[in-house]
Amino acid sequence: MTWNHAYGMPDGAGGVPVEIACDESGSDGENLTGGNTDVFAHASVRIPVESAAASVREVRNRIRSPAEEYKAGHLLREKHRAVLEWLLAPAGPLHGRARVQLTEKAFLVVDRVVGLLLDDPGAAVVLFRAGRPAFGDAGWREFLRAANRLLRARNDGAPEGPVDEFFGLAERLLRAHAGTEAARVLARLVAARPRADTYRGGLLERPALIPVLNPLLPAIVRTAADWSGDGRLVYLVHDRQNMLTPERIAWIEETARPAGAGLAGMRLVAARDDPRVQLADFLAGIARKIASDELNGRGDARLTALLRPYTGDAALWGDARSRAAIWPAAEGAEPSPEINSRV
């Protein structure tokens, strides 16, 4: 594949792919229940380099901070509220040219543990929504932490420790809350312990190339599929991430094609070197904060409304109240199945 420097895009046999610039916010690796954030956001923009540079300059002119590199935090300060609303508004530079994938981290853990142990995707929604009311806040948090440790690729302590911990807790919760809807799902999980033993044994034999709890890689696949939905070829320009090794980029490309994405390729850049990636960085951080506030009952109705046009179809999000606020058109529908990255 050759590179067309005039357009900043690779030339391909099927024509010139559209470049999509991407960045994320809220990545804590596989630590989804004890990290600094409860929402992961992956943003993408389709904007010419010159237009993106002009938009970044406009943000700088409006905010007038001496910082060398602007981040979403600059826009999220209350004194810069007008700049934030301008950036997201229908007349702003991103509207119709940017999208964001949102993931509720706690629901991702439940989705993955149910996916490992059961062949019933709907059970994840049932357990997630019934678990906290049945087990209480403390019991639910303990369950999420144990599930996180069961699934994470890194092994701390005895190899069988995460399995024993998770199923010991599950059995205690099952006895204490028998008869609840959550306990009925829990009983099915407990009966499937052999699958967990096999999973942990496999991690000892061969570290997973695609960690089951990492939200970044499937989000990139969804992004490629989303932008190529009308049959166009896309080429992703992504902020550099340690997670994005050549082997994992190859996995993304191989997974994207069966998922319906016309992905022509992918390259990594430093966000400060590409204004399009800077705009994606702004949007990812802004979207994560707005969605997290909505999730925690302190949402700003104006900002949530401005975010909606960027979110597309509801993705991996289990909380019913905030889901209805962010994706009102999806109210009553269950979270859409995740692109399968369970390995």
Protein backbone atom coordinates (compact mmCIF):
# COMPACT_ATOMS: atom_id res chain seq x y z
CA MET A 1 0.00 0.00 0.00
CA THR A 2 1.38 3.43 -0.93
CA TRP A 3 0.89 6.67 0.95
CA ASN A 4 -0.75 9.72 -0.58
CA HIS A 5 0.91 12.63 1.22
CA ALA A 6 -1.24 15.23 -0.48
CA TYR A 7 -4.36 13.90 1.21
CA GLY A 8 -2.77 12.24 4.24
CA MET A 9 -4.43 8.97 3.24
CA PRO A 10 -3.24 5.64 1.89
CA ASP A 11 -4.02 4.76 -1.69
CA GLY A 12 -5.61 1.36 -2.12
CA ALA A 13 -6.86 -0.74 -4.99
CA GLY A 14 -10.45 -0.01 -3.98
CA GLY A 15 -9.91 3.77 -3.93
CA VAL A 16 -8.71 6.15 -1.25
CA PRO A 17 -9.91 5.06 2.20
CA VAL A 18 -11.39 7.66 4.51
CA GLU A 19 -9.11 8.44 7.43
CA ILE A 20 -10.70 8.23 10.87
CA ALA A 21 -8.73 9.64 13.80
CA CYS A 22 -9.23 8.00 17.20
CA ASP A 23 -8.41 8.32 20.88
CA GLU A 24 -9.74 6.99 24.18
CA SER A 25 -10.37 8.09 27.74
CA GLY A 26 -10.74 6.09 30.93
CA SER A 27 -8.40 3.22 30.20
CA ASP A 28 -7.35 1.39 33.37
CA GLY A 29 -6.23 -1.79 31.65
CA GLU A 30 -7.93 -4.83 33.15
CA ASN A 31 -8.62 -3.11 36.47
CA LEU A 32 -12.24 -2.24 35.75
CA THR A 33 -13.55 -2.25 39.32
CA GLY A 34 -10.73 -0.54 41.23
CA GLY A 35 -9.45 2.05 38.78
CA ASN A 36 -9.95 5.78 38.58
CA THR A 37 -12.92 5.79 36.21
CA ASP A 38 -16.20 3.91 35.82
CA VAL A 39 -16.70 4.68 32.12
CA PHE A 40 -14.50 4.00 29.11
CA ALA A 41 -14.91 6.17 26.00
CA HIS A 42 -13.45 5.70 22.53
CA ALA A 43 -13.93 8.64 20.18
CA SER A 44 -13.38 8.95 16.45
CA VAL A 45 -13.53 11.88 14.04
CA ARG A 46 -13.66 12.26 10.28
CA ILE A 47 -12.24 15.72 9.69
CA PRO A 48 -9.58 17.00 7.27
CA VAL A 49 -6.25 17.83 8.90
CA GLU A 50 -6.52 21.53 8.04
CA SER A 51 -10.03 21.83 9.48
CA ALA A 52 -9.02 19.98 12.62
CA ALA A 53 -6.02 22.26 13.11
CA ALA A 54 -8.27 25.31 12.73
CA SER A 55 -10.67 23.89 15.34
CA VAL A 56 -7.85 23.23 17.81
CA ARG A 57 -6.60 26.80 17.28
CA GLU A 58 -10.11 28.10 17.89
CA VAL A 59 -10.32 26.14 21.16
CA ARG A 60 -6.99 27.64 22.23
CA ASN A 61 -8.09 31.15 21.26
CA ARG A 62 -11.31 30.82 23.24
CA ILE A 63 -9.75 29.26 26.35
CA ARG A 64 -6.41 31.11 26.32
CA SER A 65 -4.58 28.76 28.65
CA PRO A 66 -0.75 28.81 28.62
CA ALA A 67 -0.68 24.98 28.51
CA GLU A 68 1.32 23.59 25.60
CA GLU A 69 -1.08 20.68 25.04
CA TYR A 70 -4.79 21.05 25.64
CA LYS A 71 -6.80 18.16 27.07
CA ALA A 72 -10.50 17.55 27.70
CA GLY A 73 -10.03 18.83 31.26
CA HIS A 74 -9.52 22.35 29.95
CA LEU A 75 -12.92 22.28 28.25
CA LEU A 76 -14.65 20.69 31.24
CA ARG A 77 -13.84 23.58 33.58
CA GLU A 78 -16.94 25.53 34.45
CA LYS A 79 -15.40 28.81 33.32
CA HIS A 80 -15.04 27.32 29.82
CA ARG A 81 -18.59 25.95 29.62
CA ALA A 82 -19.39 28.10 26.58
CA VAL A 83 -16.43 26.64 24.68
CA LEU A 84 -17.52 23.10 25.57
CA GLU A 85 -21.05 23.73 24.34
CA TRP A 86 -19.73 25.32 21.13
CA LEU A 87 -17.56 22.27 20.44
CA LEU A 88 -20.49 19.81 20.77
CA ALA A 89 -23.32 21.95 19.38
CA PRO A 90 -24.94 21.31 15.98
CA ALA A 91 -23.16 24.36 14.56
CA GLY A 92 -19.82 23.29 16.05
CA PRO A 93 -16.87 21.61 14.34
CA LEU A 94 -17.61 18.02 15.46
CA HIS A 95 -21.33 17.63 14.79
CA GLY A 96 -21.96 15.00 12.10
CA ARG A 97 -18.24 14.28 11.85
CA ALA A 98 -17.48 12.49 15.11
CA ARG A 99 -18.69 9.48 17.09
CA VAL A 100 -18.00 7.96 20.48
CA GLN A 101 -18.30 4.44 21.87
CA LEU A 102 -19.17 4.29 25.58
CA THR A 103 -18.64 1.33 27.90
CA GLU A 104 -19.89 1.03 31.47
CA LYS A 105 -16.99 -0.80 33.07
CA ALA A 106 -18.95 -2.62 35.77
CA PHE A 107 -21.33 -3.97 33.16
CA LEU A 108 -18.41 -5.08 31.01
CA VAL A 109 -17.18 -7.22 33.93
CA VAL A 110 -20.60 -8.81 34.37
CA ASP A 111 -21.02 -9.32 30.63
CA ARG A 112 -17.67 -11.04 30.41
CA VAL A 113 -18.08 -13.33 33.42
CA VAL A 114 -21.53 -14.41 32.24
CA GLY A 115 -20.12 -14.89 28.74
CA LEU A 116 -17.37 -17.10 30.12
CA LEU A 117 -19.63 -19.30 32.22
CA LEU A 118 -22.98 -19.33 30.40
CA ASP A 119 -24.29 -19.41 26.84
CA ASP A 120 -26.94 -16.81 27.62
CA PRO A 121 -26.08 -13.14 26.88
CA GLY A 122 -29.37 -11.93 28.35
CA ALA A 123 -28.40 -13.28 31.76
CA ALA A 124 -25.77 -10.53 32.08
CA VAL A 125 -28.42 -7.80 31.97
CA VAL A 126 -30.59 -9.66 34.51
CA LEU A 127 -27.71 -10.18 36.93
CA PHE A 128 -26.40 -6.65 36.53
CA ARG A 129 -29.72 -4.98 37.24
CA ALA A 130 -30.83 -7.36 39.98
CA GLY A 131 -27.47 -7.84 41.69
CA ARG A 132 -27.08 -4.58 43.60
CA PRO A 133 -30.66 -4.54 44.97
CA ALA A 134 -30.32 -8.18 46.06
CA PHE A 135 -26.76 -8.20 47.46
CA GLY A 136 -26.57 -4.61 48.73
CA ASP A 137 -23.90 -2.10 47.77
CA ALA A 138 -21.10 -3.82 49.68
CA GLY A 139 -21.97 -7.32 48.44
CA TRP A 140 -22.30 -6.12 44.87
CA ARG A 141 -18.94 -4.35 44.94
CA GLU A 142 -17.33 -7.47 46.37
CA PHE A 143 -18.90 -9.57 43.61
CA LEU A 144 -17.62 -7.22 40.89
CA ARG A 145 -14.09 -7.23 42.33
CA ALA A 146 -14.04 -11.04 42.53
CA ALA A 147 -15.33 -11.33 38.95
CA ASN A 148 -12.66 -8.86 37.80
CA ARG A 149 -9.91 -10.92 39.43
CA LEU A 150 -11.29 -14.14 37.96
CA LEU A 151 -11.15 -12.77 34.44
CA ARG A 152 -7.98 -10.71 34.39
CA ALA A 153 -5.03 -12.23 32.60
CA ARG A 154 -2.49 -11.38 35.30
CA ASN A 155 -2.31 -13.96 38.08
CA ASP A 156 -1.66 -12.80 41.65
CA GLY A 157 -0.82 -15.49 44.19
CA ALA A 158 -1.87 -19.12 43.81
CA PRO A 159 -3.08 -20.03 40.28
CA GLU A 160 -6.40 -21.33 41.62
CA GLY A 161 -6.88 -18.34 43.94
CA PRO A 162 -9.14 -16.20 41.70
CA VAL A 163 -11.39 -19.20 40.95
CA ASP A 164 -11.70 -20.20 44.61
CA GLU A 165 -12.36 -16.61 45.64
CA PHE A 166 -15.06 -15.99 43.05
CA PHE A 167 -16.99 -19.21 43.58
CA GLY A 168 -16.64 -19.07 47.36
CA LEU A 169 -18.21 -15.60 47.32
CA ALA A 170 -20.86 -16.66 44.80
CA GLU A 171 -21.92 -19.56 47.01
CA ARG A 172 -22.14 -17.30 50.08
CA LEU A 173 -24.24 -14.75 48.22
CA LEU A 174 -26.41 -17.54 46.87
CA ARG A 175 -27.16 -18.84 50.36
CA ALA A 176 -27.75 -15.38 51.80
CA HIS A 177 -30.07 -14.19 49.01
CA ALA A 178 -31.79 -17.37 47.86
CA GLY A 179 -34.97 -16.85 45.91
CA THR A 180 -33.97 -13.55 44.33
CA GLU A 181 -33.68 -13.09 40.60
CA ALA A 182 -29.97 -12.39 40.99
CA ALA A 183 -29.47 -15.61 42.95
CA ARG A 184 -31.09 -17.64 40.19
CA VAL A 185 -28.48 -16.40 37.72
CA LEU A 186 -25.77 -16.88 40.33
CA ALA A 187 -26.77 -20.52 40.79
CA ARG A 188 -26.20 -21.11 37.09
CA LEU A 189 -22.77 -19.47 37.32
CA VAL A 190 -21.79 -21.65 40.26
CA ALA A 191 -22.76 -24.78 38.34
CA ALA A 192 -20.42 -23.75 35.51
CA ARG A 193 -17.22 -23.67 37.59
CA PRO A 194 -15.39 -26.13 35.27
CA ARG A 195 -15.40 -23.47 32.58
CA ALA A 196 -13.61 -21.07 34.94
CA ASP A 197 -11.02 -23.71 35.81
CA THR A 198 -10.36 -24.29 32.12
CA TYR A 199 -10.09 -20.55 31.47
CA ARG A 200 -7.56 -19.95 34.26
CA GLY A 201 -5.60 -23.02 33.24
CA GLY A 202 -5.40 -21.73 29.70
CA LEU A 203 -3.99 -18.41 30.91
CA LEU A 204 -1.23 -20.23 32.76
CA GLU A 205 -0.29 -22.16 29.64
CA ARG A 206 -0.46 -19.23 27.24
CA PRO A 207 -1.01 -15.55 28.11
CA ALA A 208 -3.99 -14.10 26.28
CA LEU A 209 -3.17 -11.92 23.29
CA ILE A 210 -6.52 -10.15 23.71
CA PRO A 211 -7.31 -9.66 27.43
CA VAL A 212 -10.97 -10.44 27.93
CA LEU A 213 -11.51 -7.35 30.11
CA ASN A 214 -9.81 -4.77 27.91
CA PRO A 215 -12.42 -2.44 26.36
CA LEU A 216 -10.10 -0.70 23.88
CA LEU A 217 -9.60 -3.42 21.28
CA PRO A 218 -13.28 -4.30 20.65
CA ALA A 219 -14.11 -0.57 20.70
CA ILE A 220 -11.68 -0.04 17.82
CA VAL A 221 -13.31 -2.87 15.88
CA ARG A 222 -16.75 -1.34 16.48
CA THR A 223 -15.44 2.05 15.37
CA ALA A 224 -14.15 0.63 12.09
CA ALA A 225 -17.44 -1.18 11.47
CA ASP A 226 -19.46 1.93 12.32
CA TRP A 227 -17.63 4.25 9.93
CA SER A 228 -17.57 1.72 7.08
CA GLY A 229 -21.25 0.85 7.40
CA ASP A 230 -22.07 2.39 4.03
CA GLY A 231 -19.47 0.28 2.25
CA ARG A 232 -16.59 2.74 2.37
CA LEU A 233 -13.04 1.75 3.23
CA VAL A 234 -11.62 3.34 6.36
CA TYR A 235 -8.10 3.78 7.64
CA LEU A 236 -7.69 4.38 11.37
CA VAL A 237 -5.18 6.87 12.77
CA HIS A 238 -4.97 6.17 16.50
CA ASP A 239 -3.21 7.74 19.44
CA ARG A 240 -0.26 5.62 20.57
CA GLN A 241 -1.10 3.03 23.22
CA ASN A 242 1.09 0.37 24.81
CA MET A 243 -1.81 -2.04 24.32
CA LEU A 244 -1.69 -1.57 20.54
CA THR A 245 1.17 -3.90 19.68
CA PRO A 246 1.67 -5.10 16.09
CA GLU A 247 0.12 -8.45 17.06
CA ARG A 248 -2.99 -6.81 18.46
CA ILE A 249 -3.33 -4.47 15.50
CA ALA A 250 -3.24 -7.57 13.31
CA TRP A 251 -6.03 -9.05 15.48
CA ILE A 252 -8.08 -5.86 15.04
CA GLU A 253 -7.72 -6.03 11.26
CA GLU A 254 -8.57 -9.74 11.15
CA THR A 255 -11.58 -9.30 13.45
CA ALA A 256 -12.92 -6.20 11.74
CA ARG A 257 -13.51 -7.84 8.37
CA PRO A 258 -15.88 -10.59 9.57
CA ALA A 259 -17.63 -7.89 11.65
CA GLY A 260 -18.48 -6.04 8.45
CA ALA A 261 -15.81 -3.35 8.65
CA GLY A 262 -13.97 -2.19 5.55
CA LEU A 263 -10.75 -1.60 7.45
CA ALA A 264 -7.85 -0.80 5.11
CA GLY A 265 -5.28 -0.46 7.87
CA MET A 266 -4.21 1.36 10.99
CA ARG A 267 -1.30 3.45 12.18
CA LEU A 268 -0.32 5.01 15.51
CA VAL A 269 0.62 8.65 16.07
CA ALA A 270 1.24 10.94 19.03
CA ALA A 271 -1.90 12.97 19.69
CA ARG A 272 0.04 16.24 19.84
CA ASP A 273 1.29 15.61 16.28
CA ASP A 274 -2.15 15.22 14.68
CA PRO A 275 -4.92 17.78 15.33
CA ARG A 276 -7.58 15.25 14.34
CA VAL A 277 -6.45 12.94 17.14
CA GLN A 278 -6.43 15.93 19.49
CA LEU A 279 -10.10 16.51 18.67
CA ALA A 280 -10.81 12.81 19.27
CA ASP A 281 -8.99 13.15 22.59
CA PHE A 282 -11.20 16.12 23.52
CA LEU A 283 -14.38 14.23 22.62
CA ALA A 284 -13.37 11.03 24.42
CA GLY A 285 -12.59 12.83 27.67
CA ILE A 286 -15.69 15.01 27.48
CA ALA A 287 -17.97 12.07 26.67
CA ARG A 288 -16.53 9.96 29.47
CA LYS A 289 -17.13 12.73 32.03
CA ILE A 290 -20.68 13.51 30.84
CA ALA A 291 -21.61 9.80 30.77
CA SER A 292 -20.04 9.14 34.17
CA ASP A 293 -21.94 12.05 35.70
CA GLU A 294 -25.17 10.68 34.21
CA LEU A 295 -24.36 7.19 35.51
CA ASN A 296 -23.82 8.52 39.03
CA GLY A 297 -26.98 10.59 39.20
CA ARG A 298 -25.39 14.01 38.77
CA GLY A 299 -25.96 14.42 35.05
CA ASP A 300 -26.20 17.78 33.33
CA ALA A 301 -29.28 17.63 31.08
CA ARG A 302 -27.90 20.18 28.63
CA LEU A 303 -24.55 18.41 28.19
CA THR A 304 -26.16 14.97 27.98
CA ALA A 305 -28.43 16.25 25.20
CA LEU A 306 -25.43 17.68 23.35
CA LEU A 307 -23.61 14.35 23.65
CA ARG A 308 -26.46 12.17 22.31
CA PRO A 309 -25.85 12.76 18.57
CA TYR A 310 -22.33 11.34 18.96
CA THR A 311 -23.20 8.10 20.76
CA GLY A 312 -25.00 6.20 18.00
CA ASP A 313 -26.48 2.89 19.05
CA ALA A 314 -26.27 2.05 22.74
CA ALA A 315 -23.28 -0.19 23.31
CA LEU A 316 -22.08 -2.01 26.41
CA TRP A 317 -24.11 -0.18 29.06
CA GLY A 318 -26.25 -1.88 31.67
CA ASP A 319 -27.61 0.84 33.98
CA ALA A 320 -31.20 1.41 32.90
CA ARG A 321 -31.71 4.98 34.15
CA SER A 322 -28.60 6.55 32.62
CA ARG A 323 -29.03 4.43 29.51
CA ALA A 324 -32.44 5.99 28.95
CA ALA A 325 -30.94 9.47 29.38
CA ILE A 326 -28.01 8.98 27.02
CA TRP A 327 -29.78 6.75 24.46
CA PRO A 328 -33.50 7.63 24.79
CA ALA A 329 -34.31 5.97 21.45
CA ALA A 330 -33.05 2.66 22.88
CA GLU A 331 -35.26 2.77 25.98
CA GLY A 332 -36.79 -0.65 26.54
CA ALA A 333 -34.18 -2.39 24.39
CA GLU A 334 -31.46 -4.48 25.94
CA PRO A 335 -27.77 -3.60 25.54
CA SER A 336 -26.55 -4.69 22.14
CA PRO A 337 -24.23 -7.73 22.03
CA GLU A 338 -20.56 -6.90 22.21
CA ILE A 339 -18.28 -7.87 19.32
CA ASN A 340 -16.91 -11.15 20.54
CA SER A 341 -13.43 -10.73 22.01
CA ARG A 342 -13.68 -13.49 24.56
CA VAL A 343 -10.62 -15.70 24.13
